[in-house]
């Protein structure tokens, strides 16, 4: 067992610093490769979850915009604009997530429906069972649902 494996369990922060130092020094044989691989996979999952989270907030507000036109205001408009900007930036920084966009959108829509039904008087039955917005519309800064 690698000497750093115990440090991983005791002090994760110290473990990260030590492994980074070893990698920079070229001491790959001393690196805790098993835990390092787990952490890298976890980081990838976090980036995908960030995509789902941003899409969830954006889709919830697009649904509110469409199904509660009388409540439209600066706050909703700002949230929609902000989430679109953050999504574009996230996808630019992680271009391989483009291939997961449709799957993430499907997941995010389910969460968005839950959010809308919690935050508004709308019932789940009043909302489409599938996302009514195309990916292009969701990301398009000029698109505003009727």
C-alpha atoms as a PDB file:
ATOM      1  CA  UNK A   1       0.000   0.000   0.000  1.00  0.00           C
ATOM      2  CA  UNK A   2       1.234   3.452  -0.901  1.00  0.00           C
ATOM      3  CA  UNK A   3       2.426   5.537   2.065  1.00  0.00           C
ATOM      4  CA  UNK A   4       0.096   8.359   1.037  1.00  0.00           C
ATOM      5  CA  UNK A   5      -3.005   6.167   1.108  1.00  0.00           C
ATOM      6  CA  UNK A   6      -3.210   6.551   4.900  1.00  0.00           C
ATOM      7  CA  UNK A   7      -2.863  10.316   4.627  1.00  0.00           C
ATOM      8  CA  UNK A   8      -5.826  10.305   2.217  1.00  0.00           C
ATOM      9  CA  UNK A   9      -8.046   8.999   5.020  1.00  0.00           C
ATOM     10  CA  UNK A  10      -6.576  11.256   7.735  1.00  0.00           C
ATOM     11  CA  UNK A  11      -6.092  14.627   6.022  1.00  0.00           C
ATOM     12  CA  UNK A  12      -7.410  14.954   2.483  1.00  0.00           C
ATOM     13  CA  UNK A  13      -6.073  18.487   2.025  1.00  0.00           C
ATOM     14  CA  UNK A  14      -2.547  17.485   3.036  1.00  0.00           C
ATOM     15  CA  UNK A  15      -2.874  14.466   0.741  1.00  0.00           C
ATOM     16  CA  UNK A  16      -3.709  16.715  -2.241  1.00  0.00           C
ATOM     17  CA  UNK A  17      -0.759  19.015  -1.577  1.00  0.00           C
ATOM     18  CA  UNK A  18       1.706  16.153  -1.170  1.00  0.00           C
ATOM     19  CA  UNK A  19       0.566  14.374  -4.339  1.00  0.00           C
ATOM     20  CA  UNK A  20       0.746  17.603  -6.335  1.00  0.00           C
ATOM     21  CA  UNK A  21       4.274  18.199  -5.043  1.00  0.00           C
ATOM     22  CA  UNK A  22       5.327  14.660  -5.965  1.00  0.00           C
ATOM     23  CA  UNK A  23       3.877  14.996  -9.456  1.00  0.00           C
ATOM     24  CA  UNK A  24       5.655  18.307 -10.045  1.00  0.00           C
ATOM     25  CA  UNK A  25       8.930  16.758  -8.901  1.00  0.00           C
ATOM     26  CA  UNK A  26       8.450  13.798 -11.228  1.00  0.00           C
ATOM     27  CA  UNK A  27       8.146  11.246  -8.405  1.00  0.00           C
ATOM     28  CA  UNK A  28       5.209   9.458 -10.004  1.00  0.00           C
ATOM     29  CA  UNK A  29       6.076   6.161  -8.323  1.00  0.00           C
ATOM     30  CA  UNK A  30       5.331   7.725  -4.908  1.00  0.00           C
ATOM     31  CA  UNK A  31       1.945   9.179  -5.886  1.00  0.00           C
ATOM     32  CA  UNK A  32      -1.208   7.583  -4.473  1.00  0.00           C
ATOM     33  CA  UNK A  33      -2.472   6.622  -7.927  1.00  0.00           C
ATOM     34  CA  UNK A  34      -5.603   4.738  -6.853  1.00  0.00           C
ATOM     35  CA  UNK A  35      -7.023   7.593  -4.810  1.00  0.00           C
ATOM     36  CA  UNK A  36      -5.820  10.145  -7.347  1.00  0.00           C
ATOM     37  CA  UNK A  37      -7.763   8.343 -10.090  1.00  0.00           C
ATOM     38  CA  UNK A  38     -10.874   8.303  -7.858  1.00  0.00           C
ATOM     39  CA  UNK A  39     -10.550  12.029  -7.211  1.00  0.00           C
ATOM     40  CA  UNK A  40     -10.135  12.819 -10.902  1.00  0.00           C
ATOM     41  CA  UNK A  41     -13.268  10.821 -11.711  1.00  0.00           C
ATOM     42  CA  UNK A  42     -15.093  12.654  -8.935  1.00  0.00           C
ATOM     43  CA  UNK A  43     -14.017  15.992 -10.385  1.00  0.00           C
ATOM     44  CA  UNK A  44     -15.449  14.964 -13.749  1.00  0.00           C
ATOM     45  CA  UNK A  45     -18.757  14.002 -12.140  1.00  0.00           C
ATOM     46  CA  UNK A  46     -18.812  17.376 -10.382  1.00  0.00           C
ATOM     47  CA  UNK A  47     -18.454  19.207 -13.675  1.00  0.00           C
ATOM     48  CA  UNK A  48     -21.339  17.223 -15.156  1.00  0.00           C
ATOM     49  CA  UNK A  49     -23.450  17.885 -12.050  1.00  0.00           C
ATOM     50  CA  UNK A  50     -22.699  21.597 -12.415  1.00  0.00           C
ATOM     51  CA  UNK A  51     -24.138  21.391 -15.930  1.00  0.00           C
ATOM     52  CA  UNK A  52     -27.315  19.731 -14.624  1.00  0.00           C
ATOM     53  CA  UNK A  53     -27.628  22.289 -11.815  1.00  0.00           C
ATOM     54  CA  UNK A  54     -27.303  25.272 -14.155  1.00  0.00           C
ATOM     55  CA  UNK A  55     -29.775  23.734 -16.593  1.00  0.00           C
ATOM     56  CA  UNK A  56     -32.215  23.050 -13.753  1.00  0.00           C
ATOM     57  CA  UNK A  57     -32.276  26.681 -12.640  1.00  0.00           C
ATOM     58  CA  UNK A  58     -32.531  27.933 -16.212  1.00  0.00           C
ATOM     59  CA  UNK A  59     -35.290  25.511 -17.194  1.00  0.00           C
ATOM     60  CA  UNK A  60     -37.281  26.285 -14.056  1.00  0.00           C
ATOM     61  CA  UNK A  61     -37.196  29.975 -14.874  1.00  0.00           C
ATOM     62  CA  UNK A  62     -38.049  29.401 -18.538  1.00  0.00           C
ATOM     63  CA  UNK A  63     -41.063  27.376 -17.397  1.00  0.00           C
ATOM     64  CA  UNK A  64     -42.107  30.102 -14.971  1.00  0.00           C
ATOM     65  CA  UNK A  65     -41.666  32.672 -17.740  1.00  0.00           C
ATOM     66  CA  UNK A  66     -43.915  30.712 -20.077  1.00  0.00           C
ATOM     67  CA  UNK A  67     -46.577  29.511 -17.633  1.00  0.00           C
ATOM     68  CA  UNK A  68     -46.799  32.560 -15.382  1.00  0.00           C
ATOM     69  CA  UNK A  69     -46.561  35.521 -17.781  1.00  0.00           C
ATOM     70  CA  UNK A  70     -48.299  37.804 -15.285  1.00  0.00           C
ATOM     71  CA  UNK A  71     -45.364  37.322 -12.855  1.00  0.00           C
ATOM     72  CA  UNK A  72     -42.540  38.099 -15.279  1.00  0.00           C
ATOM     73  CA  UNK A  73     -40.082  40.552 -13.873  1.00  0.00           C
ATOM     74  CA  UNK A  74     -36.502  41.751 -13.679  1.00  0.00           C
ATOM     75  CA  UNK A  75     -35.484  38.990 -11.288  1.00  0.00           C
ATOM     76  CA  UNK A  76     -36.573  36.149 -13.567  1.00  0.00           C
ATOM     77  CA  UNK A  77     -35.065  37.879 -16.601  1.00  0.00           C
ATOM     78  CA  UNK A  78     -31.770  38.356 -14.765  1.00  0.00           C
ATOM     79  CA  UNK A  79     -31.702  34.725 -13.607  1.00  0.00           C
ATOM     80  CA  UNK A  80     -32.331  33.453 -17.137  1.00  0.00           C
ATOM     81  CA  UNK A  81     -29.600  35.682 -18.554  1.00  0.00           C
ATOM     82  CA  UNK A  82     -27.137  34.752 -15.800  1.00  0.00           C
ATOM     83  CA  UNK A  83     -27.692  31.018 -16.149  1.00  0.00           C
ATOM     84  CA  UNK A  84     -27.262  31.201 -19.913  1.00  0.00           C
ATOM     85  CA  UNK A  85     -23.978  33.065 -19.489  1.00  0.00           C
ATOM     86  CA  UNK A  86     -22.784  30.579 -16.866  1.00  0.00           C
ATOM     87  CA  UNK A  87     -23.793  27.630 -19.061  1.00  0.00           C
ATOM     88  CA  UNK A  88     -21.922  29.023 -22.059  1.00  0.00           C
ATOM     89  CA  UNK A  89     -18.834  29.580 -19.920  1.00  0.00           C
ATOM     90  CA  UNK A  90     -19.081  26.111 -18.356  1.00  0.00           C
ATOM     91  CA  UNK A  91     -19.424  24.458 -21.762  1.00  0.00           C
ATOM     92  CA  UNK A  92     -16.549  26.520 -23.167  1.00  0.00           C
ATOM     93  CA  UNK A  93     -14.330  25.406 -20.281  1.00  0.00           C
ATOM     94  CA  UNK A  94     -15.511  21.785 -20.615  1.00  0.00           C
ATOM     95  CA  UNK A  95     -16.230  21.207 -24.333  1.00  0.00           C
ATOM     96  CA  UNK A  96     -16.609  17.444 -23.911  1.00  0.00           C
ATOM     97  CA  UNK A  97     -19.758  18.105 -21.865  1.00  0.00           C
ATOM     98  CA  UNK A  98     -21.476  19.089 -25.140  1.00  0.00           C
ATOM     99  CA  UNK A  99     -21.892  15.367 -25.799  1.00  0.00           C
ATOM    100  CA  UNK A 100     -23.764  15.045 -22.466  1.00  0.00           C
ATOM    101  CA  UNK A 101     -25.953  18.111 -22.975  1.00  0.00           C
ATOM    102  CA  UNK A 102     -29.111  16.339 -24.149  1.00  0.00           C
ATOM    103  CA  UNK A 103     -28.941  13.720 -21.386  1.00  0.00           C
ATOM    104  CA  UNK A 104     -28.248  16.423 -18.798  1.00  0.00           C
ATOM    105  CA  UNK A 105     -31.140  18.490 -20.113  1.00  0.00           C
ATOM    106  CA  UNK A 106     -33.526  15.553 -19.647  1.00  0.00           C
ATOM    107  CA  UNK A 107     -32.390  15.077 -16.048  1.00  0.00           C
ATOM    108  CA  UNK A 108     -32.443  18.812 -15.337  1.00  0.00           C
ATOM    109  CA  UNK A 109     -35.979  19.135 -16.684  1.00  0.00           C
ATOM    110  CA  UNK A 110     -37.259  16.636 -14.119  1.00  0.00           C
ATOM    111  CA  UNK A 111     -35.658  18.686 -11.336  1.00  0.00           C
ATOM    112  CA  UNK A 112     -36.934  21.929 -12.867  1.00  0.00           C
ATOM    113  CA  UNK A 113     -40.524  20.678 -12.807  1.00  0.00           C
ATOM    114  CA  UNK A 114     -40.165  19.818  -9.129  1.00  0.00           C
ATOM    115  CA  UNK A 115     -38.718  23.242  -8.433  1.00  0.00           C
ATOM    116  CA  UNK A 116     -41.500  25.038 -10.278  1.00  0.00           C
ATOM    117  CA  UNK A 117     -44.215  23.099  -8.457  1.00  0.00           C
ATOM    118  CA  UNK A 118     -42.560  23.926  -5.131  1.00  0.00           C
ATOM    119  CA  UNK A 119     -42.076  27.619  -5.864  1.00  0.00           C
ATOM    120  CA  UNK A 120     -45.328  28.423  -7.664  1.00  0.00           C
ATOM    121  CA  UNK A 121     -49.014  27.524  -7.488  1.00  0.00           C
ATOM    122  CA  UNK A 122     -48.584  25.477 -10.696  1.00  0.00           C
ATOM    123  CA  UNK A 123     -49.313  21.784 -10.475  1.00  0.00           C
ATOM    124  CA  UNK A 124     -47.095  19.213 -12.133  1.00  0.00           C
ATOM    125  CA  UNK A 125     -49.978  18.278 -14.445  1.00  0.00           C
ATOM    126  CA  UNK A 126     -49.964  21.837 -15.837  1.00  0.00           C
ATOM    127  CA  UNK A 127     -46.422  21.352 -17.154  1.00  0.00           C
ATOM    128  CA  UNK A 128     -45.302  19.239 -20.100  1.00  0.00           C
ATOM    129  CA  UNK A 129     -43.934  15.812 -19.244  1.00  0.00           C
ATOM    130  CA  UNK A 130     -41.006  16.419 -21.604  1.00  0.00           C
ATOM    131  CA  UNK A 131     -38.928  19.550 -21.938  1.00  0.00           C
ATOM    132  CA  UNK A 132     -40.758  21.913 -24.303  1.00  0.00           C
ATOM    133  CA  UNK A 133     -37.579  23.791 -25.202  1.00  0.00           C
ATOM    134  CA  UNK A 134     -35.001  22.741 -27.763  1.00  0.00           C
ATOM    135  CA  UNK A 135     -31.391  22.871 -26.613  1.00  0.00           C
ATOM    136  CA  UNK A 136     -30.758  25.699 -29.045  1.00  0.00           C
ATOM    137  CA  UNK A 137     -33.603  27.712 -27.505  1.00  0.00           C
ATOM    138  CA  UNK A 138     -32.396  27.082 -23.970  1.00  0.00           C
ATOM    139  CA  UNK A 139     -28.949  28.448 -24.764  1.00  0.00           C
ATOM    140  CA  UNK A 140     -30.080  31.246 -27.103  1.00  0.00           C
ATOM    141  CA  UNK A 141     -29.810  34.630 -25.379  1.00  0.00           C
ATOM    142  CA  UNK A 142     -32.515  36.038 -27.667  1.00  0.00           C
ATOM    143  CA  UNK A 143     -35.096  33.320 -26.982  1.00  0.00           C
ATOM    144  CA  UNK A 144     -37.909  34.085 -24.540  1.00  0.00           C
ATOM    145  CA  UNK A 145     -40.819  31.626 -24.327  1.00  0.00           C
ATOM    146  CA  UNK A 146     -44.300  32.927 -25.168  1.00  0.00           C
END
